[in-house]
Each structure stands twice: as C-alpha cells, then as structure tokens.
C-alpha cells in the first residue's frame, strides 16, 4: 500500500467514524423523561423540551426554564395539548419566559 493510499484510507475511516459518532450522539438527545416523578417531558434533538404531563398530586406548579437529564441541558419551550389533564389538584402554574408555545386543553 502506498503512502498516499494509506493516507486516503485513514482519512475516509476517520470520516466514517465521525459520522457514526454523530448519529449516536443525536440519538442521546431525543426521547422522554420524567423528572422527580412529577413532570414528564418529550426531549428534542435540538436540546429543547416539551412539557407533556404532570403528577396529579401537584397544587402549585413552577415549570423550570431548563431541565437536566442524562448529562444534557434542555430548554423548556413548549407545553403540549392537555399536559395538565390529569392534574386535578392544580391551583396555580408559573410558566417561564422560555415557553413560546402552549397547547390547548383538548388533544
């Protein structure tokens, strides 16, 4: 194998490993999470989170502007439709300025 061929092969192998690594990293960003068994979120690949539900034992809810999950920080930007449907005791909600979209009470 010539020096030039060896260099090209190493270059392509490095690129392939980088692309595979990017795919694995991307998968770590999305999914669902429940924080402190109280709030449920959908985690998005762009490091944002959507509040999807809450515990039915909450009276006063303070939604954080960011959450930490699996070593990543997510900005809470949305509240999904019917996120509070099962929160029968809820009396007050504090929503951070980071939330730019709030769903309706129906699905």
N, C-alpha and C. Protein backbone atom coordinates (compact mmCIF):
# COMPACT_ATOMS: atom_id res chain seq x y z
N UNK A 1 0.85 -1.16 0.00
CA UNK A 1 0.00 0.00 0.00
C UNK A 1 0.91 1.23 0.00
N UNK A 2 0.66 2.14 -0.88
CA UNK A 2 1.48 3.34 -0.96
C UNK A 2 1.11 4.30 0.16
N UNK A 3 1.99 5.25 0.39
CA UNK A 3 1.76 6.24 1.43
C UNK A 3 0.48 7.04 1.15
N UNK A 4 0.24 7.40 -0.10
CA UNK A 4 -0.95 8.18 -0.48
C UNK A 4 -2.22 7.37 -0.25
N UNK A 5 -2.21 6.10 -0.61
CA UNK A 5 -3.38 5.23 -0.40
C UNK A 5 -3.65 5.05 1.08
N UNK A 6 -2.61 4.87 1.86
CA UNK A 6 -2.76 4.70 3.30
C UNK A 6 -3.37 5.95 3.93
N UNK A 7 -2.91 7.13 3.48
CA UNK A 7 -3.44 8.39 3.99
C UNK A 7 -4.93 8.54 3.64
N UNK A 8 -5.31 8.22 2.40
CA UNK A 8 -6.71 8.32 1.98
C UNK A 8 -7.59 7.37 2.76
N UNK A 9 -7.12 6.16 2.98
CA UNK A 9 -7.89 5.18 3.73
C UNK A 9 -8.11 5.65 5.17
N UNK A 10 -7.08 6.18 5.79
CA UNK A 10 -7.21 6.70 7.15
C UNK A 10 -8.17 7.89 7.20
N UNK A 11 -8.10 8.71 6.20
CA UNK A 11 -8.98 9.88 6.13
C UNK A 11 -10.44 9.45 6.02
N UNK A 12 -10.73 8.48 5.14
CA UNK A 12 -12.11 8.00 4.96
C UNK A 12 -12.60 7.26 6.21
N UNK A 13 -11.71 6.51 6.82
CA UNK A 13 -12.09 5.79 8.03
C UNK A 13 -12.41 6.79 9.15
N UNK A 14 -11.61 7.84 9.28
CA UNK A 14 -11.87 8.87 10.29
C UNK A 14 -13.21 9.55 10.04
N UNK A 15 -13.49 9.86 8.79
CA UNK A 15 -14.77 10.50 8.43
C UNK A 15 -15.94 9.57 8.76
N UNK A 16 -15.81 8.31 8.43
CA UNK A 16 -16.87 7.33 8.72
C UNK A 16 -17.12 7.23 10.22
N UNK A 17 -16.06 7.15 11.01
CA UNK A 17 -16.22 7.07 12.46
C UNK A 17 -16.85 8.34 13.03
N UNK A 18 -16.49 9.48 12.47
CA UNK A 18 -17.10 10.74 12.90
C UNK A 18 -18.59 10.74 12.62
N UNK A 19 -18.99 10.31 11.44
CA UNK A 19 -20.41 10.28 11.08
C UNK A 19 -21.19 9.30 11.96
N UNK A 20 -20.60 8.17 12.24
CA UNK A 20 -21.25 7.19 13.13
C UNK A 20 -21.39 7.79 14.52
N UNK A 21 -20.36 8.47 15.00
CA UNK A 21 -20.40 9.11 16.31
C UNK A 21 -21.47 10.18 16.38
N UNK A 22 -21.64 10.95 15.31
CA UNK A 22 -22.67 11.98 15.29
C UNK A 22 -24.05 11.37 15.38
N UNK A 23 -24.27 10.24 14.73
CA UNK A 23 -25.55 9.56 14.80
C UNK A 23 -25.83 9.07 16.21
N UNK A 24 -24.83 8.52 16.88
CA UNK A 24 -25.02 8.03 18.25
C UNK A 24 -25.32 9.20 19.17
N UNK A 25 -24.61 10.30 19.02
CA UNK A 25 -24.85 11.48 19.84
C UNK A 25 -26.25 12.01 19.65
N UNK A 26 -26.71 12.06 18.41
CA UNK A 26 -28.04 12.58 18.13
C UNK A 26 -29.11 11.74 18.83
N UNK A 27 -28.95 10.43 18.84
CA UNK A 27 -29.93 9.55 19.47
C UNK A 27 -30.05 9.82 20.97
N UNK A 28 -28.95 10.27 21.59
CA UNK A 28 -28.97 10.53 23.02
C UNK A 28 -29.81 11.76 23.37
N UNK A 29 -30.08 12.61 22.41
CA UNK A 29 -30.80 13.85 22.69
C UNK A 29 -32.31 13.70 22.68
N UNK A 30 -32.86 12.71 22.05
CA UNK A 30 -34.31 12.65 21.92
C UNK A 30 -34.90 11.52 22.75
N UNK A 31 -36.15 11.66 23.11
CA UNK A 31 -36.82 10.64 23.91
C UNK A 31 -37.77 11.28 24.90
N UNK A 32 -38.05 10.57 25.97
CA UNK A 32 -38.94 11.09 27.01
C UNK A 32 -38.24 11.01 28.36
N UNK A 33 -38.67 11.85 29.27
CA UNK A 33 -38.08 11.86 30.61
C UNK A 33 -39.13 12.29 31.62
N UNK A 34 -39.06 11.71 32.80
CA UNK A 34 -39.88 12.15 33.92
C UNK A 34 -38.91 12.64 34.99
N UNK A 35 -39.08 13.89 35.41
CA UNK A 35 -38.19 14.50 36.37
C UNK A 35 -38.82 14.45 37.76
N UNK A 36 -38.11 13.87 38.72
CA UNK A 36 -38.57 13.77 40.11
C UNK A 36 -39.96 13.16 40.24
N UNK A 37 -40.34 12.31 39.32
CA UNK A 37 -41.66 11.66 39.31
C UNK A 37 -42.80 12.67 39.35
N UNK A 38 -42.55 13.88 38.83
CA UNK A 38 -43.55 14.95 38.89
C UNK A 38 -43.91 15.46 37.51
N UNK A 39 -42.91 15.83 36.71
CA UNK A 39 -43.16 16.39 35.39
C UNK A 39 -42.61 15.49 34.30
N UNK A 40 -43.40 15.31 33.24
CA UNK A 40 -42.98 14.49 32.10
C UNK A 40 -42.69 15.39 30.92
N UNK A 41 -41.62 15.05 30.19
CA UNK A 41 -41.19 15.85 29.05
C UNK A 41 -40.90 14.98 27.85
N UNK A 42 -41.04 15.57 26.69
CA UNK A 42 -40.54 15.00 25.45
C UNK A 42 -39.26 15.78 25.16
N UNK A 43 -38.14 15.06 25.00
CA UNK A 43 -36.85 15.69 24.77
C UNK A 43 -36.55 15.70 23.28
N UNK A 44 -36.15 16.84 22.77
CA UNK A 44 -35.94 17.02 21.34
C UNK A 44 -34.45 17.10 21.00
N UNK A 45 -34.09 16.75 19.78
CA UNK A 45 -32.69 16.69 19.37
C UNK A 45 -32.02 18.06 19.33
N UNK A 46 -32.78 19.14 19.38
CA UNK A 46 -32.19 20.48 19.38
C UNK A 46 -32.06 21.04 20.80
N UNK A 47 -32.01 20.15 21.79
CA UNK A 47 -31.86 20.48 23.21
C UNK A 47 -33.01 21.32 23.76
N UNK A 48 -34.21 21.10 23.24
CA UNK A 48 -35.41 21.70 23.80
C UNK A 48 -36.28 20.60 24.38
N UNK A 49 -37.17 20.99 25.26
CA UNK A 49 -38.07 20.02 25.89
C UNK A 49 -39.50 20.54 25.83
N UNK A 50 -40.43 19.60 25.69
CA UNK A 50 -41.86 19.90 25.68
C UNK A 50 -42.48 19.25 26.91
N UNK A 51 -43.14 20.05 27.76
CA UNK A 51 -43.84 19.50 28.91
C UNK A 51 -45.04 18.72 28.41
N UNK A 52 -45.14 17.45 28.80
CA UNK A 52 -46.23 16.61 28.30
C UNK A 52 -47.23 16.20 29.38
N UNK A 53 -46.85 16.33 30.65
CA UNK A 53 -47.76 15.93 31.72
C UNK A 53 -47.19 16.22 33.08
N UNK A 54 -48.05 16.09 34.10
CA UNK A 54 -47.60 16.32 35.48
C UNK A 54 -48.33 15.36 36.41
N UNK A 55 -47.77 15.25 37.59
CA UNK A 55 -48.34 14.39 38.62
C UNK A 55 -49.67 14.96 39.09
N UNK A 56 -50.60 14.08 39.42
CA UNK A 56 -51.92 14.55 39.88
C UNK A 56 -51.90 14.96 41.34
N UNK A 57 -50.72 15.01 41.98
CA UNK A 57 -50.63 15.43 43.37
C UNK A 57 -50.17 16.88 43.53
N UNK A 58 -49.89 17.56 42.42
CA UNK A 58 -49.39 18.94 42.48
C UNK A 58 -50.50 19.95 42.73
N UNK A 59 -50.22 20.92 43.58
CA UNK A 59 -51.14 22.05 43.79
C UNK A 59 -50.57 23.30 43.12
N UNK A 60 -49.30 23.57 43.37
CA UNK A 60 -48.63 24.75 42.80
C UNK A 60 -47.49 24.26 41.93
N UNK A 61 -47.55 24.56 40.66
CA UNK A 61 -46.55 24.08 39.71
C UNK A 61 -45.69 25.23 39.22
N UNK A 62 -44.38 25.07 39.37
CA UNK A 62 -43.42 26.02 38.81
C UNK A 62 -42.66 25.25 37.74
N UNK A 63 -42.89 25.61 36.48
CA UNK A 63 -42.21 24.96 35.38
C UNK A 63 -40.83 25.59 35.24
N UNK A 64 -39.77 24.79 35.26
CA UNK A 64 -38.43 25.36 35.13
C UNK A 64 -38.15 25.79 33.69
N UNK A 65 -37.26 26.74 33.50
CA UNK A 65 -36.90 27.16 32.14
C UNK A 65 -35.96 26.16 31.49
N UNK A 66 -35.19 25.42 32.31
CA UNK A 66 -34.32 24.37 31.78
C UNK A 66 -34.43 23.14 32.68
N UNK A 67 -34.14 21.99 32.10
CA UNK A 67 -34.06 20.76 32.87
C UNK A 67 -32.77 20.04 32.52
N UNK A 68 -32.28 19.24 33.44
CA UNK A 68 -31.09 18.42 33.23
C UNK A 68 -31.54 16.97 33.15
N UNK A 69 -31.04 16.27 32.12
CA UNK A 69 -31.38 14.85 32.00
C UNK A 69 -30.24 14.14 31.27
N UNK A 70 -29.76 13.08 31.86
CA UNK A 70 -28.70 12.24 31.27
C UNK A 70 -27.49 13.07 30.82
N UNK A 71 -27.14 14.06 31.61
CA UNK A 71 -25.96 14.86 31.31
C UNK A 71 -26.17 15.98 30.31
N UNK A 72 -27.39 16.18 29.86
CA UNK A 72 -27.70 17.24 28.89
C UNK A 72 -28.63 18.26 29.53
N UNK A 73 -28.55 19.49 29.06
CA UNK A 73 -29.45 20.55 29.49
C UNK A 73 -30.43 20.85 28.36
N UNK A 74 -31.70 20.88 28.70
CA UNK A 74 -32.76 21.15 27.73
C UNK A 74 -33.51 22.41 28.15
N UNK A 75 -33.82 23.27 27.20
CA UNK A 75 -34.63 24.45 27.45
C UNK A 75 -36.09 24.09 27.23
N UNK A 76 -36.92 24.36 28.22
CA UNK A 76 -38.36 24.07 28.11
C UNK A 76 -38.98 25.17 27.26
N UNK A 77 -39.48 24.79 26.08
CA UNK A 77 -40.01 25.77 25.13
C UNK A 77 -41.48 25.59 24.79
N UNK A 78 -42.07 24.48 25.23
CA UNK A 78 -43.43 24.19 24.80
C UNK A 78 -44.18 23.42 25.88
N UNK A 79 -45.49 23.62 25.92
CA UNK A 79 -46.39 22.83 26.76
C UNK A 79 -47.38 22.16 25.81
N UNK A 80 -47.41 20.86 25.83
CA UNK A 80 -48.23 20.08 24.89
C UNK A 80 -49.71 20.18 25.24
N UNK A 81 -50.55 19.92 24.25
CA UNK A 81 -52.01 19.83 24.45
C UNK A 81 -52.31 18.90 25.62
N UNK A 82 -53.21 19.32 26.46
CA UNK A 82 -53.71 18.50 27.58
C UNK A 82 -52.63 18.08 28.56
N UNK A 83 -51.55 18.84 28.67
CA UNK A 83 -50.47 18.49 29.59
C UNK A 83 -50.94 18.45 31.05
N UNK A 84 -51.98 19.21 31.36
CA UNK A 84 -52.47 19.28 32.74
C UNK A 84 -53.79 18.53 32.93
N UNK A 85 -54.15 17.69 31.99
CA UNK A 85 -55.44 17.00 32.02
C UNK A 85 -55.62 16.13 33.26
N UNK A 86 -54.55 15.53 33.77
CA UNK A 86 -54.66 14.64 34.93
C UNK A 86 -54.23 15.30 36.23
N UNK A 87 -54.07 16.60 36.22
CA UNK A 87 -53.61 17.34 37.40
C UNK A 87 -54.81 17.96 38.11
N UNK A 88 -55.59 17.12 38.75
CA UNK A 88 -56.86 17.54 39.33
C UNK A 88 -56.74 18.52 40.49
N UNK A 89 -55.63 18.49 41.21
CA UNK A 89 -55.46 19.35 42.37
C UNK A 89 -54.77 20.68 42.06
N UNK A 90 -54.38 20.87 40.83
CA UNK A 90 -53.60 22.03 40.43
C UNK A 90 -54.36 23.33 40.66
N UNK A 91 -53.72 24.26 41.38
CA UNK A 91 -54.32 25.56 41.67
C UNK A 91 -53.59 26.71 41.00
N UNK A 92 -52.26 26.57 40.81
CA UNK A 92 -51.51 27.65 40.17
C UNK A 92 -50.37 27.09 39.34
N UNK A 93 -50.02 27.83 38.28
CA UNK A 93 -48.93 27.43 37.39
C UNK A 93 -48.08 28.66 37.11
N UNK A 94 -46.77 28.49 37.25
CA UNK A 94 -45.83 29.54 36.89
C UNK A 94 -45.08 29.07 35.65
N UNK A 95 -45.17 29.84 34.56
CA UNK A 95 -44.59 29.46 33.27
C UNK A 95 -43.42 30.38 32.95
N UNK A 96 -42.25 29.81 32.65
CA UNK A 96 -41.08 30.65 32.36
C UNK A 96 -41.17 31.31 30.98
N UNK A 97 -40.40 32.36 30.79
CA UNK A 97 -40.38 33.09 29.52
C UNK A 97 -39.85 32.22 28.37
N UNK A 98 -39.14 31.16 28.68
CA UNK A 98 -38.60 30.27 27.62
C UNK A 98 -39.69 29.53 26.87
N UNK A 99 -40.89 29.41 27.48
CA UNK A 99 -42.01 28.72 26.83
C UNK A 99 -42.61 29.66 25.78
N UNK A 100 -42.57 29.20 24.54
CA UNK A 100 -43.08 30.02 23.42
C UNK A 100 -44.32 29.44 22.77
N UNK A 101 -44.74 28.23 23.22
CA UNK A 101 -45.92 27.59 22.64
C UNK A 101 -46.65 26.82 23.71
N UNK A 102 -47.96 27.06 23.81
CA UNK A 102 -48.80 26.36 24.78
C UNK A 102 -49.97 25.74 24.02
N UNK A 103 -50.15 24.43 24.21
CA UNK A 103 -51.24 23.73 23.53
C UNK A 103 -52.58 24.04 24.17
N UNK A 104 -53.61 23.50 23.59
CA UNK A 104 -54.96 23.73 24.09
C UNK A 104 -55.31 22.67 25.13
N UNK A 105 -56.49 22.79 25.68
CA UNK A 105 -56.92 21.83 26.69
C UNK A 105 -57.45 20.53 26.09
N UNK A 106 -57.61 20.49 24.78
CA UNK A 106 -58.07 19.28 24.12
C UNK A 106 -56.99 18.75 23.21
N UNK A 107 -57.02 17.47 22.94
CA UNK A 107 -55.97 16.84 22.13
C UNK A 107 -56.08 17.16 20.68
